Amino acid sequence: MHPQLSDGVYAQLEAAPPRRGFAYAVLLGLGALLIYLSFVSLGGFGSRLVLLGFGLVALYGAEKLRTATAGRLLLTDAGIEDGDGRVLVEWNNIKGVERGAFALKPSNGFTVHTRASMSREWAPGLWWRVGKRFGVGGVSAAGASKFMAEQIAFRLAQKPN
């Protein structure tokens, strides 16, 4: 028997407000600083254009992070879903979970290894998906990430091969 939070949801992961705010502020500050430097620098036109471009990319990244971390991840009977009900990784595709200190994983998170390759996708600060890896974490709380990883490992151990 698996513990349920509510109606088929075994674990839920959201962004931790202090971590989310800090990450957003850093990207916003970087973008603003690069744009400012593009106007006051003594370099040539090309270098000023590069600074402006990187500044705009940083501001775009800050906005993507803000919108992505407003969502959440759910561990359900279907697999790992986003808050809108879209299944990001199905249970029959999950091979294992890696959460050690030396694992290739996001900060405060874990990595799910899959059987088949998946399309590349990224929700900055919350999750990423590349090839046979699905990374969860970034600006999430460590306790909630650990609980979700343990629930995945528990369900995989209970599943007959």
Protein backbone atom coordinates (compact mmCIF):
# COMPACT_ATOMS: atom_id res chain seq x y z
CA MET A 1 0.00 0.00 0.00
CA HIS A 2 1.36 3.39 -0.99
CA PRO A 3 0.61 6.49 1.07
CA GLN A 4 -1.40 9.04 -0.88
CA LEU A 5 -1.58 12.77 -0.35
CA SER A 6 -4.89 13.07 -2.19
CA ASP A 7 -6.77 11.37 -5.01
CA GLY A 8 -3.93 9.38 -6.63
CA VAL A 9 -1.13 11.87 -5.81
CA TYR A 10 1.76 10.25 -3.92
CA ALA A 11 4.14 13.22 -3.78
CA GLN A 12 4.10 16.88 -4.75
CA LEU A 13 7.03 19.16 -5.49
CA GLU A 14 6.91 22.95 -5.69
CA ALA A 15 9.49 25.71 -5.74
CA ALA A 16 10.65 26.95 -2.35
CA PRO A 17 9.72 30.68 -2.26
CA PRO A 18 13.10 31.93 -0.92
CA ARG A 19 15.09 29.90 -3.49
CA ARG A 20 12.71 30.94 -6.28
CA GLY A 21 12.98 34.61 -5.33
CA PHE A 22 16.77 34.49 -5.09
CA ALA A 23 17.19 32.76 -8.46
CA TYR A 24 14.80 35.22 -10.12
CA ALA A 25 16.56 38.22 -8.54
CA VAL A 26 19.99 36.99 -9.64
CA LEU A 27 18.91 36.51 -13.26
CA LEU A 28 17.04 39.81 -13.29
CA GLY A 29 20.05 41.61 -11.78
CA LEU A 30 22.44 40.01 -14.28
CA GLY A 31 20.23 41.02 -17.19
CA ALA A 32 19.90 44.59 -15.93
CA LEU A 33 23.66 44.87 -15.31
CA LEU A 34 24.55 43.57 -18.78
CA ILE A 35 22.09 45.93 -20.45
CA TYR A 36 23.44 48.86 -18.41
CA LEU A 37 27.01 47.94 -19.36
CA SER A 38 26.04 47.80 -23.02
CA PHE A 39 25.12 51.48 -22.84
CA VAL A 40 28.01 52.79 -20.74
CA SER A 41 30.89 50.63 -21.93
CA LEU A 42 33.71 52.14 -23.95
CA GLY A 43 33.97 49.12 -26.23
CA GLY A 44 33.09 49.04 -29.89
CA PHE A 45 29.65 48.61 -31.36
CA GLY A 46 30.04 44.82 -31.61
CA SER A 47 30.92 44.31 -27.96
CA ARG A 48 28.07 46.58 -26.88
CA LEU A 49 25.67 44.58 -29.03
CA VAL A 50 26.91 41.32 -27.47
CA LEU A 51 26.39 42.72 -23.95
CA LEU A 52 22.91 43.86 -24.88
CA GLY A 53 22.10 40.46 -26.37
CA PHE A 54 23.29 38.57 -23.29
CA GLY A 55 21.36 40.97 -21.08
CA LEU A 56 18.16 40.34 -22.99
CA VAL A 57 18.75 36.57 -22.83
CA ALA A 58 19.21 36.82 -19.05
CA LEU A 59 15.95 38.76 -18.72
CA TYR A 60 14.18 36.18 -20.89
CA GLY A 61 15.64 33.41 -18.69
CA ALA A 62 14.41 35.19 -15.56
CA GLU A 63 10.89 35.34 -16.96
CA LYS A 64 10.99 31.66 -18.01
CA LEU A 65 12.18 30.73 -14.51
CA ARG A 66 9.42 32.80 -12.90
CA THR A 67 6.67 31.17 -14.94
CA ALA A 68 8.09 27.64 -14.74
CA THR A 69 8.54 27.70 -10.98
CA ALA A 70 4.96 28.87 -10.47
CA GLY A 71 3.97 25.29 -11.37
CA ARG A 72 4.49 22.02 -9.55
CA LEU A 73 5.29 18.37 -10.15
CA LEU A 74 3.09 15.50 -9.02
CA LEU A 75 3.88 11.83 -8.61
CA THR A 76 0.73 9.94 -9.61
CA ASP A 77 -0.35 6.52 -10.85
CA ALA A 78 0.45 7.70 -14.39
CA GLY A 79 4.01 8.82 -13.53
CA ILE A 80 5.51 12.26 -13.00
CA GLU A 81 3.10 14.98 -14.11
CA ASP A 82 3.21 18.75 -14.19
CA GLY A 83 0.53 20.79 -12.46
CA ASP A 84 -1.56 20.90 -15.65
CA GLY A 85 -1.90 17.09 -15.75
CA ARG A 86 0.60 16.53 -18.58
CA VAL A 87 2.59 13.33 -17.99
CA LEU A 88 6.31 14.12 -18.26
CA VAL A 89 7.59 10.59 -17.51
CA GLU A 90 5.41 7.47 -17.50
CA TRP A 91 5.91 4.72 -14.90
CA ASN A 92 6.63 2.05 -17.51
CA ASN A 93 9.51 4.21 -18.80
CA ILE A 94 11.17 4.72 -15.39
CA LYS A 95 14.21 2.48 -14.87
CA GLY A 96 15.71 3.99 -11.71
CA VAL A 97 16.29 7.06 -9.61
CA GLU A 98 19.64 8.60 -8.67
CA ARG A 99 19.91 11.02 -5.75
CA GLY A 100 23.41 10.66 -4.31
CA ALA A 101 25.83 13.47 -3.55
CA PHE A 102 27.90 12.77 -6.67
CA ALA A 103 24.98 12.13 -9.03
CA LEU A 104 24.44 14.27 -12.12
CA LYS A 105 21.35 16.02 -10.80
CA PRO A 106 19.93 19.49 -10.18
CA SER A 107 20.52 21.22 -6.85
CA ASN A 108 18.26 19.83 -4.09
CA GLY A 109 16.94 17.25 -6.53
CA PHE A 110 17.33 13.88 -8.19
CA THR A 111 17.59 12.28 -11.62
CA VAL A 112 15.25 9.66 -13.05
CA HIS A 113 16.79 7.22 -15.54
CA THR A 114 14.40 6.08 -18.26
CA ARG A 115 14.28 3.07 -20.54
CA ALA A 116 13.64 5.07 -23.73
CA SER A 117 14.94 8.45 -24.83
CA MET A 118 12.59 11.38 -24.48
CA SER A 119 12.39 14.74 -26.20
CA ARG A 120 14.42 17.63 -24.80
CA GLU A 121 12.45 19.99 -22.64
CA TRP A 122 13.19 22.31 -19.76
CA ALA A 123 11.25 24.16 -17.08
CA PRO A 124 14.04 26.32 -15.56
CA GLY A 125 14.42 25.80 -11.83
CA LEU A 126 12.02 22.85 -11.65
CA TRP A 127 12.89 20.07 -14.12
CA TRP A 128 14.72 19.15 -17.32
CA ARG A 129 14.54 16.23 -19.72
CA VAL A 130 17.41 15.16 -22.02
CA GLY A 131 17.78 11.75 -23.63
CA LYS A 132 17.31 9.05 -21.01
CA ARG A 133 17.54 11.42 -18.05
CA PHE A 134 14.87 13.44 -16.31
CA GLY A 135 16.23 15.87 -13.71
CA VAL A 136 14.05 17.26 -10.95
CA GLY A 137 15.02 20.11 -8.63
CA GLY A 138 16.79 23.41 -8.69
CA VAL A 139 14.75 25.83 -6.64
CA SER A 140 12.69 23.13 -4.91
CA ALA A 141 12.86 22.31 -1.22
CA ALA A 142 15.30 19.51 -0.38
CA GLY A 143 12.82 17.62 1.82
CA ALA A 144 10.08 17.49 -0.80
CA SER A 145 12.55 16.39 -3.48
CA LYS A 146 13.93 13.65 -1.24
CA PHE A 147 10.41 12.44 -0.44
CA MET A 148 9.46 12.24 -4.13
CA ALA A 149 12.69 10.39 -4.99
CA GLU A 150 12.08 7.92 -2.15
CA GLN A 151 8.49 7.34 -3.31
CA ILE A 152 9.74 6.59 -6.83
CA ALA A 153 12.39 4.20 -5.51
CA PHE A 154 9.82 2.53 -3.23
CA ARG A 155 7.34 2.03 -6.07
CA LEU A 156 10.07 0.67 -8.35
CA ALA A 157 11.16 -1.80 -5.67
CA GLN A 158 7.56 -3.02 -5.27
CA LYS A 159 7.01 -3.40 -9.02
CA PRO A 160 7.61 -6.90 -10.42
CA ASN A 161 10.21 -6.93 -13.22
